C-alpha atoms as a PDB file:
ATOM      1  CA  UNK A   1      -3.695 -18.602  14.295  1.00  0.00           C
ATOM      2  CA  UNK A   2      -6.328 -17.404  16.773  1.00  0.00           C
ATOM      3  CA  UNK A   3      -4.137 -14.971  18.713  1.00  0.00           C
ATOM      4  CA  UNK A   4      -2.466 -13.632  15.570  1.00  0.00           C
ATOM      5  CA  UNK A   5      -5.791 -13.086  13.821  1.00  0.00           C
ATOM      6  CA  UNK A   6      -7.182 -11.324  16.883  1.00  0.00           C
ATOM      7  CA  UNK A   7      -4.233  -8.892  16.801  1.00  0.00           C
ATOM      8  CA  UNK A   8      -4.804  -8.218  13.104  1.00  0.00           C
ATOM      9  CA  UNK A   9      -8.501  -7.613  13.665  1.00  0.00           C
ATOM     10  CA  UNK A  10      -7.790  -5.211  16.540  1.00  0.00           C
ATOM     11  CA  UNK A  11      -5.309  -3.328  14.359  1.00  0.00           C
ATOM     12  CA  UNK A  12      -7.748  -2.795  11.524  1.00  0.00           C
ATOM     13  CA  UNK A  13     -10.629  -1.927  13.828  1.00  0.00           C
ATOM     14  CA  UNK A  14      -8.398   0.804  15.235  1.00  0.00           C
ATOM     15  CA  UNK A  15      -7.192   2.047  11.839  1.00  0.00           C
ATOM     16  CA  UNK A  16     -10.441   1.888   9.931  1.00  0.00           C
ATOM     17  CA  UNK A  17     -13.234   4.022  11.460  1.00  0.00           C
ATOM     18  CA  UNK A  18     -14.569   4.438   7.933  1.00  0.00           C
ATOM     19  CA  UNK A  19     -18.117   4.969   6.805  1.00  0.00           C
ATOM     20  CA  UNK A  20     -19.806   4.732   3.432  1.00  0.00           C
ATOM     21  CA  UNK A  21     -20.024   8.502   3.036  1.00  0.00           C
ATOM     22  CA  UNK A  22     -17.614   9.879   0.427  1.00  0.00           C
ATOM     23  CA  UNK A  23     -18.672  13.481  -0.090  1.00  0.00           C
ATOM     24  CA  UNK A  24     -15.159  14.971  -0.141  1.00  0.00           C
ATOM     25  CA  UNK A  25     -13.975  12.291  -2.534  1.00  0.00           C
ATOM     26  CA  UNK A  26     -16.964  12.836  -4.768  1.00  0.00           C
ATOM     27  CA  UNK A  27     -16.175  16.551  -5.027  1.00  0.00           C
ATOM     28  CA  UNK A  28     -12.854  15.721  -6.645  1.00  0.00           C
ATOM     29  CA  UNK A  29     -14.229  13.047  -8.939  1.00  0.00           C
ATOM     30  CA  UNK A  30     -17.681  14.131 -10.052  1.00  0.00           C
ATOM     31  CA  UNK A  31     -19.562  11.700 -12.210  1.00  0.00           C
ATOM     32  CA  UNK A  32     -19.136  12.275 -15.904  1.00  0.00           C
ATOM     33  CA  UNK A  33     -19.063  10.368 -19.164  1.00  0.00           C
ATOM     34  CA  UNK A  34     -16.749   7.383 -18.857  1.00  0.00           C
ATOM     35  CA  UNK A  35     -13.891   6.955 -21.313  1.00  0.00           C
ATOM     36  CA  UNK A  36     -13.981   3.901 -23.521  1.00  0.00           C
ATOM     37  CA  UNK A  37     -11.056   2.247 -21.717  1.00  0.00           C
ATOM     38  CA  UNK A  38     -12.449   2.858 -18.224  1.00  0.00           C
ATOM     39  CA  UNK A  39     -13.744  -0.042 -16.143  1.00  0.00           C
ATOM     40  CA  UNK A  40     -16.087  -0.208 -13.164  1.00  0.00           C
ATOM     41  CA  UNK A  41     -14.505  -0.946  -9.800  1.00  0.00           C
ATOM     42  CA  UNK A  42     -15.818  -0.995  -6.204  1.00  0.00           C
ATOM     43  CA  UNK A  43     -13.615   1.036  -3.839  1.00  0.00           C
ATOM     44  CA  UNK A  44     -12.584   0.506  -0.232  1.00  0.00           C
ATOM     45  CA  UNK A  45     -11.004   3.630   1.383  1.00  0.00           C
ATOM     46  CA  UNK A  46      -8.455   2.673   4.052  1.00  0.00           C
ATOM     47  CA  UNK A  47      -5.842   4.566   6.109  1.00  0.00           C
ATOM     48  CA  UNK A  48      -3.014   2.719   4.378  1.00  0.00           C
ATOM     49  CA  UNK A  49      -1.347   2.478   0.974  1.00  0.00           C
ATOM     50  CA  UNK A  50      -1.505  -0.866  -0.807  1.00  0.00           C
ATOM     51  CA  UNK A  51       1.291  -1.719  -3.244  1.00  0.00           C
ATOM     52  CA  UNK A  52       1.464  -4.246  -6.043  1.00  0.00           C
ATOM     53  CA  UNK A  53       2.463  -7.613  -4.595  1.00  0.00           C
ATOM     54  CA  UNK A  54       1.689  -6.646  -0.991  1.00  0.00           C
ATOM     55  CA  UNK A  55      -0.500  -8.888   1.154  1.00  0.00           C
ATOM     56  CA  UNK A  56      -3.319  -7.225   3.088  1.00  0.00           C
ATOM     57  CA  UNK A  57      -5.408  -8.909   5.842  1.00  0.00           C
ATOM     58  CA  UNK A  58      -8.759  -7.269   6.603  1.00  0.00           C
ATOM     59  CA  UNK A  59     -11.763  -7.890   8.767  1.00  0.00           C
ATOM     60  CA  UNK A  60     -14.953  -6.690   7.088  1.00  0.00           C
ATOM     61  CA  UNK A  61     -17.475  -5.597   9.697  1.00  0.00           C
ATOM     62  CA  UNK A  62     -19.275  -2.484   8.376  1.00  0.00           C
ATOM     63  CA  UNK A  63     -22.605  -3.276   6.785  1.00  0.00           C
ATOM     64  CA  UNK A  64     -21.893  -1.517   3.470  1.00  0.00           C
ATOM     65  CA  UNK A  65     -18.657  -3.464   2.940  1.00  0.00           C
ATOM     66  CA  UNK A  66     -20.289  -6.727   3.961  1.00  0.00           C
ATOM     67  CA  UNK A  67     -22.711  -6.103   1.094  1.00  0.00           C
ATOM     68  CA  UNK A  68     -19.705  -5.484  -1.136  1.00  0.00           C
ATOM     69  CA  UNK A  69     -18.160  -8.769  -0.017  1.00  0.00           C
ATOM     70  CA  UNK A  70     -21.286 -10.742  -0.888  1.00  0.00           C
ATOM     71  CA  UNK A  71     -21.154  -9.232  -4.370  1.00  0.00           C
ATOM     72  CA  UNK A  72     -17.434  -9.827  -4.857  1.00  0.00           C
ATOM     73  CA  UNK A  73     -17.604 -13.458  -3.771  1.00  0.00           C
ATOM     74  CA  UNK A  74     -20.034 -14.064  -6.643  1.00  0.00           C
ATOM     75  CA  UNK A  75     -18.126 -12.042  -9.240  1.00  0.00           C
ATOM     76  CA  UNK A  76     -14.395 -11.422  -9.702  1.00  0.00           C
ATOM     77  CA  UNK A  77     -13.035 -11.013  -6.120  1.00  0.00           C
ATOM     78  CA  UNK A  78     -11.387  -7.682  -6.993  1.00  0.00           C
ATOM     79  CA  UNK A  79     -11.852  -4.232  -5.479  1.00  0.00           C
ATOM     80  CA  UNK A  80      -9.831  -1.031  -5.296  1.00  0.00           C
ATOM     81  CA  UNK A  81      -8.005   0.124  -2.173  1.00  0.00           C
ATOM     82  CA  UNK A  82      -7.493   3.893  -1.939  1.00  0.00           C
ATOM     83  CA  UNK A  83      -5.642   5.730   0.805  1.00  0.00           C
ATOM     84  CA  UNK A  84      -7.883   7.905   2.961  1.00  0.00           C
ATOM     85  CA  UNK A  85      -7.461   9.636   6.295  1.00  0.00           C
ATOM     86  CA  UNK A  86      -8.607  12.957   7.847  1.00  0.00           C
ATOM     87  CA  UNK A  87      -5.182  14.600   7.487  1.00  0.00           C
ATOM     88  CA  UNK A  88      -4.508  13.891   3.801  1.00  0.00           C
ATOM     89  CA  UNK A  89      -8.022  13.300   2.489  1.00  0.00           C
ATOM     90  CA  UNK A  90      -8.793  10.603  -0.087  1.00  0.00           C
ATOM     91  CA  UNK A  91      -6.480   9.785  -2.955  1.00  0.00           C
ATOM     92  CA  UNK A  92      -7.576   9.318  -6.543  1.00  0.00           C
ATOM     93  CA  UNK A  93      -4.888   6.710  -7.258  1.00  0.00           C
ATOM     94  CA  UNK A  94      -4.998   3.281  -5.676  1.00  0.00           C
ATOM     95  CA  UNK A  95      -4.238  -0.385  -6.134  1.00  0.00           C
ATOM     96  CA  UNK A  96      -6.519  -3.260  -7.087  1.00  0.00           C
ATOM     97  CA  UNK A  97      -6.801  -5.823  -4.313  1.00  0.00           C
ATOM     98  CA  UNK A  98      -7.681  -9.412  -5.173  1.00  0.00           C
ATOM     99  CA  UNK A  99      -9.141 -11.667  -2.497  1.00  0.00           C
ATOM    100  CA  UNK A 100      -6.965 -14.780  -2.289  1.00  0.00           C
ATOM    101  CA  UNK A 101      -8.515 -16.226   0.859  1.00  0.00           C
ATOM    102  CA  UNK A 102     -11.655 -15.522   2.858  1.00  0.00           C
ATOM    103  CA  UNK A 103     -13.391 -16.798   5.958  1.00  0.00           C
ATOM    104  CA  UNK A 104     -16.959 -16.088   6.932  1.00  0.00           C
ATOM    105  CA  UNK A 105     -17.224 -15.277  10.636  1.00  0.00           C
ATOM    106  CA  UNK A 106     -20.156 -15.060  13.031  1.00  0.00           C
ATOM    107  CA  UNK A 107     -22.714 -12.258  12.549  1.00  0.00           C
ATOM    108  CA  UNK A 108     -22.000 -12.228   8.812  1.00  0.00           C
ATOM    109  CA  UNK A 109     -18.544 -10.714   9.256  1.00  0.00           C
ATOM    110  CA  UNK A 110     -15.637 -11.637   6.989  1.00  0.00           C
ATOM    111  CA  UNK A 111     -11.927 -12.091   7.429  1.00  0.00           C
ATOM    112  CA  UNK A 112     -10.116 -11.796   4.106  1.00  0.00           C
ATOM    113  CA  UNK A 113      -6.560 -11.874   2.806  1.00  0.00           C
ATOM    114  CA  UNK A 114      -5.898  -9.833  -0.324  1.00  0.00           C
ATOM    115  CA  UNK A 115      -2.971  -9.171  -2.625  1.00  0.00           C
ATOM    116  CA  UNK A 116      -2.184  -5.977  -4.529  1.00  0.00           C
ATOM    117  CA  UNK A 117      -2.428  -6.469  -8.297  1.00  0.00           C
ATOM    118  CA  UNK A 118      -2.324  -3.294 -10.430  1.00  0.00           C
ATOM    119  CA  UNK A 119      -2.651   0.471 -10.133  1.00  0.00           C
ATOM    120  CA  UNK A 120      -5.599   2.565 -11.178  1.00  0.00           C
ATOM    121  CA  UNK A 121      -6.702   6.176 -11.291  1.00  0.00           C
ATOM    122  CA  UNK A 122     -10.284   7.181 -10.499  1.00  0.00           C
ATOM    123  CA  UNK A 123     -11.888   9.042 -13.392  1.00  0.00           C
ATOM    124  CA  UNK A 124     -15.479   9.365 -12.124  1.00  0.00           C
ATOM    125  CA  UNK A 125     -17.839   8.188  -9.409  1.00  0.00           C
ATOM    126  CA  UNK A 126     -20.717   5.914 -10.416  1.00  0.00           C
ATOM    127  CA  UNK A 127     -22.364   5.757  -6.989  1.00  0.00           C
ATOM    128  CA  UNK A 128     -21.583   6.122  -3.293  1.00  0.00           C
ATOM    129  CA  UNK A 129     -24.286   3.856  -1.810  1.00  0.00           C
ATOM    130  CA  UNK A 130     -24.232   1.287  -0.389  1.00  0.00           C
ATOM    131  CA  UNK A 131     -20.476   1.513  -1.102  1.00  0.00           C
ATOM    132  CA  UNK A 132     -18.240   3.470  -3.450  1.00  0.00           C
ATOM    133  CA  UNK A 133     -18.145   2.362  -7.083  1.00  0.00           C
ATOM    134  CA  UNK A 134     -16.098   4.267  -9.634  1.00  0.00           C
ATOM    135  CA  UNK A 135     -14.859   4.282 -13.182  1.00  0.00           C
ATOM    136  CA  UNK A 136     -11.089   3.794 -13.268  1.00  0.00           C
ATOM    137  CA  UNK A 137      -8.325   3.404 -15.794  1.00  0.00           C
ATOM    138  CA  UNK A 138      -5.181   1.344 -15.329  1.00  0.00           C
ATOM    139  CA  UNK A 139      -1.802   2.990 -14.818  1.00  0.00           C
ATOM    140  CA  UNK A 140       1.620   1.620 -15.729  1.00  0.00           C
ATOM    141  CA  UNK A 141       5.132   3.020 -15.573  1.00  0.00           C
ATOM    142  CA  UNK A 142       6.482   4.689 -18.666  1.00  0.00           C
ATOM    143  CA  UNK A 143       9.606   3.103 -20.176  1.00  0.00           C
ATOM    144  CA  UNK A 144      12.859   4.615 -18.915  1.00  0.00           C
ATOM    145  CA  UNK A 145      15.642   4.406 -21.462  1.00  0.00           C
ATOM    146  CA  UNK A 146      17.934   7.198 -20.322  1.00  0.00           C
ATOM    147  CA  UNK A 147      19.199   5.728 -17.067  1.00  0.00           C
ATOM    148  CA  UNK A 148      20.959   2.613 -15.807  1.00  0.00           C
ATOM    149  CA  UNK A 149      17.940   1.091 -14.057  1.00  0.00           C
ATOM    150  CA  UNK A 150      19.850  -1.968 -12.883  1.00  0.00           C
ATOM    151  CA  UNK A 151      22.542   0.204 -11.344  1.00  0.00           C
ATOM    152  CA  UNK A 152      20.015   2.430  -9.579  1.00  0.00           C
ATOM    153  CA  UNK A 153      18.065  -0.591  -8.336  1.00  0.00           C
ATOM    154  CA  UNK A 154      21.268  -2.094  -6.935  1.00  0.00           C
ATOM    155  CA  UNK A 155      21.961   1.160  -5.080  1.00  0.00           C
ATOM    156  CA  UNK A 156      18.459   1.076  -3.583  1.00  0.00           C
ATOM    157  CA  UNK A 157      18.971  -2.541  -2.533  1.00  0.00           C
ATOM    158  CA  UNK A 158      22.312  -1.670  -0.917  1.00  0.00           C
ATOM    159  CA  UNK A 159      20.740   1.218   1.029  1.00  0.00           C
ATOM    160  CA  UNK A 160      17.914  -1.014   2.181  1.00  0.00           C
ATOM    161  CA  UNK A 161      20.346  -3.655   3.429  1.00  0.00           C
ATOM    162  CA  UNK A 162      22.154  -0.980   5.468  1.00  0.00           C
ATOM    163  CA  UNK A 163      18.829   0.240   6.904  1.00  0.00           C
ATOM    164  CA  UNK A 164      17.878  -3.311   7.917  1.00  0.00           C
ATOM    165  CA  UNK A 165      21.285  -3.902   9.494  1.00  0.00           C
ATOM    166  CA  UNK A 166      21.230  -0.688  11.561  1.00  0.00           C
ATOM    167  CA  UNK A 167      17.579  -1.114  12.497  1.00  0.00           C
ATOM    168  CA  UNK A 168      18.257  -4.619  13.810  1.00  0.00           C
ATOM    169  CA  UNK A 169      21.198  -3.310  15.792  1.00  0.00           C
ATOM    170  CA  UNK A 170      19.164  -0.523  17.406  1.00  0.00           C
ATOM    171  CA  UNK A 171      16.358  -2.922  18.266  1.00  0.00           C
ATOM    172  CA  UNK A 172      18.828  -5.476  19.646  1.00  0.00           C
ATOM    173  CA  UNK A 173      17.915  -8.046  17.044  1.00  0.00           C
ATOM    174  CA  UNK A 174      20.444 -10.466  15.564  1.00  0.00           C
ATOM    175  CA  UNK A 175      22.376  -8.731  12.782  1.00  0.00           C
ATOM    176  CA  UNK A 176      21.754 -11.404  10.171  1.00  0.00           C
ATOM    177  CA  UNK A 177      23.298 -11.082   6.759  1.00  0.00           C
ATOM    178  CA  UNK A 178      20.763  -9.747   4.259  1.00  0.00           C
ATOM    179  CA  UNK A 179      21.109 -11.493   0.955  1.00  0.00           C
ATOM    180  CA  UNK A 180      19.269 -10.908  -2.315  1.00  0.00           C
ATOM    181  CA  UNK A 181      16.380  -8.581  -1.498  1.00  0.00           C
ATOM    182  CA  UNK A 182      15.427  -8.166  -5.143  1.00  0.00           C
ATOM    183  CA  UNK A 183      14.969 -11.901  -5.772  1.00  0.00           C
ATOM    184  CA  UNK A 184      15.612 -11.338  -9.479  1.00  0.00           C
ATOM    185  CA  UNK A 185      12.745  -8.856  -9.697  1.00  0.00           C
ATOM    186  CA  UNK A 186      12.822  -6.192 -12.391  1.00  0.00           C
ATOM    187  CA  UNK A 187      13.256  -2.729 -10.802  1.00  0.00           C
ATOM    188  CA  UNK A 188       9.546  -1.800 -10.876  1.00  0.00           C
ATOM    189  CA  UNK A 189       8.180  -4.717  -8.767  1.00  0.00           C
ATOM    190  CA  UNK A 190      11.173  -4.401  -6.460  1.00  0.00           C
ATOM    191  CA  UNK A 191      10.460  -0.720  -5.905  1.00  0.00           C
ATOM    192  CA  UNK A 192       6.849  -1.428  -4.967  1.00  0.00           C
ATOM    193  CA  UNK A 193       8.217  -3.845  -2.376  1.00  0.00           C
ATOM    194  CA  UNK A 194      10.579  -1.155  -1.062  1.00  0.00           C
ATOM    195  CA  UNK A 195       7.747   1.391  -0.909  1.00  0.00           C
ATOM    196  CA  UNK A 196       5.622  -1.019   1.110  1.00  0.00           C
ATOM    197  CA  UNK A 197       8.286  -1.024   3.845  1.00  0.00           C
ATOM    198  CA  UNK A 198       7.966   2.724   4.488  1.00  0.00           C
ATOM    199  CA  UNK A 199       5.437   2.143   7.250  1.00  0.00           C
ATOM    200  CA  UNK A 200       4.398   5.229   9.167  1.00  0.00           C
ATOM    201  CA  UNK A 201       4.973   7.475   6.144  1.00  0.00           C
ATOM    202  CA  UNK A 202       1.754   7.175   4.104  1.00  0.00           C
ATOM    203  CA  UNK A 203       2.325  10.456   2.261  1.00  0.00           C
ATOM    204  CA  UNK A 204       5.683   9.185   0.991  1.00  0.00           C
ATOM    205  CA  UNK A 205       4.131   5.842   0.107  1.00  0.00           C
ATOM    206  CA  UNK A 206       1.243   7.425  -1.786  1.00  0.00           C
ATOM    207  CA  UNK A 207       3.599   9.670  -3.738  1.00  0.00           C
ATOM    208  CA  UNK A 208       5.626   6.602  -4.726  1.00  0.00           C
ATOM    209  CA  UNK A 209       2.511   4.698  -5.780  1.00  0.00           C
ATOM    210  CA  UNK A 210       1.333   7.586  -7.973  1.00  0.00           C
ATOM    211  CA  UNK A 211       4.622   7.977  -9.858  1.00  0.00           C
ATOM    212  CA  UNK A 212       4.615   6.546 -13.370  1.00  0.00           C
ATOM    213  CA  UNK A 213       8.334   6.819 -14.075  1.00  0.00           C
ATOM    214  CA  UNK A 214      10.558   4.029 -12.762  1.00  0.00           C
ATOM    215  CA  UNK A 215      13.699   6.149 -12.767  1.00  0.00           C
ATOM    216  CA  UNK A 216      12.093   8.882 -10.668  1.00  0.00           C
ATOM    217  CA  UNK A 217      10.747   6.299  -8.215  1.00  0.00           C
ATOM    218  CA  UNK A 218      14.212   4.738  -7.898  1.00  0.00           C
ATOM    219  CA  UNK A 219      15.798   8.095  -7.118  1.00  0.00           C
ATOM    220  CA  UNK A 220      13.128   9.102  -4.586  1.00  0.00           C
ATOM    221  CA  UNK A 221      13.198   5.797  -2.758  1.00  0.00           C
ATOM    222  CA  UNK A 222      16.990   5.914  -2.645  1.00  0.00           C
ATOM    223  CA  UNK A 223      16.748   9.399  -1.113  1.00  0.00           C
ATOM    224  CA  UNK A 224      14.195   8.223   1.449  1.00  0.00           C
ATOM    225  CA  UNK A 225      16.373   5.235   2.396  1.00  0.00           C
ATOM    226  CA  UNK A 226      19.463   7.436   2.715  1.00  0.00           C
ATOM    227  CA  UNK A 227      17.584   9.857   4.979  1.00  0.00           C
ATOM    228  CA  UNK A 228      16.457   6.897   7.074  1.00  0.00           C
ATOM    229  CA  UNK A 229      20.011   5.588   7.135  1.00  0.00           C
ATOM    230  CA  UNK A 230      21.340   8.949   8.335  1.00  0.00           C
ATOM    231  CA  UNK A 231      18.783   8.995  11.139  1.00  0.00           C
ATOM    232  CA  UNK A 232      19.598   5.420  12.181  1.00  0.00           C
ATOM    233  CA  UNK A 233      23.339   6.129  12.060  1.00  0.00           C
ATOM    234  CA  UNK A 234      22.895   9.130  14.355  1.00  0.00           C
ATOM    235  CA  UNK A 235      20.698   7.132  16.715  1.00  0.00           C
ATOM    236  CA  UNK A 236      23.248   4.313  16.754  1.00  0.00           C
ATOM    237  CA  UNK A 237      26.052   6.765  17.601  1.00  0.00           C
ATOM    238  CA  UNK A 238      24.032   8.229  20.473  1.00  0.00           C
ATOM    239  CA  UNK A 239      23.313   4.731  21.747  1.00  0.00           C
ATOM    240  CA  UNK A 240      27.021   3.874  21.698  1.00  0.00           C
ATOM    241  CA  UNK A 241      27.935   7.060  23.584  1.00  0.00           C
ATOM    242  CA  UNK A 242      25.071   6.798  26.059  1.00  0.00           C
ATOM    243  CA  UNK A 243      24.340   3.096  26.397  1.00  0.00           C
ATOM    244  CA  UNK A 244      21.180   2.043  28.205  1.00  0.00           C
ATOM    245  CA  UNK A 245      21.726   0.737  31.715  1.00  0.00           C
END
């Protein structure tokens, strides 16, 4: 595991030059009276979008988040992950991350493995030091009764299988048969899984996470997959016409 963990740690050191300051985020979510159904949640801004069911490995090395870790390990092991980067700013909708495994490293650093649990929306900031703590409320999809959700989900699954097949072909990987990607999941959990595969497109991922209508998410993810499929099909055609030496 040593080499693999080292690669993960390097990746997150490169992606996460984050500090405890949250002035721009605070501007959008000024402290105010909390609603009765709001709960308190520590926040960890990261340059990635966490989805429900996704697994997230992290190395905790900044002092403020090491303090947060000490607190979490003695409480409920849950904190909020919100997408943040210089280009798009900091989102007000994120996903609760639950620590499922942790390892204390030298110099009081931590290596943790988390899993996305449920969505939240920030309603107000409680404090920014030594780390962000906010009031949040939980978000769930609204029921969709006017569409064939199973049919739409099957279309998304079919598009994803085609994307996997063409992607493997372009990358000279074995074109294995892709079987049941849904694994009997209801459309909503399946769509969070699909959204988590849109790596390199955080704006698309964040938009998908923020949606609260399953039908709309199905249609948007199907459109994204079809656009990806068109691109891969064109790239595959070019590769066939002009094969690499």
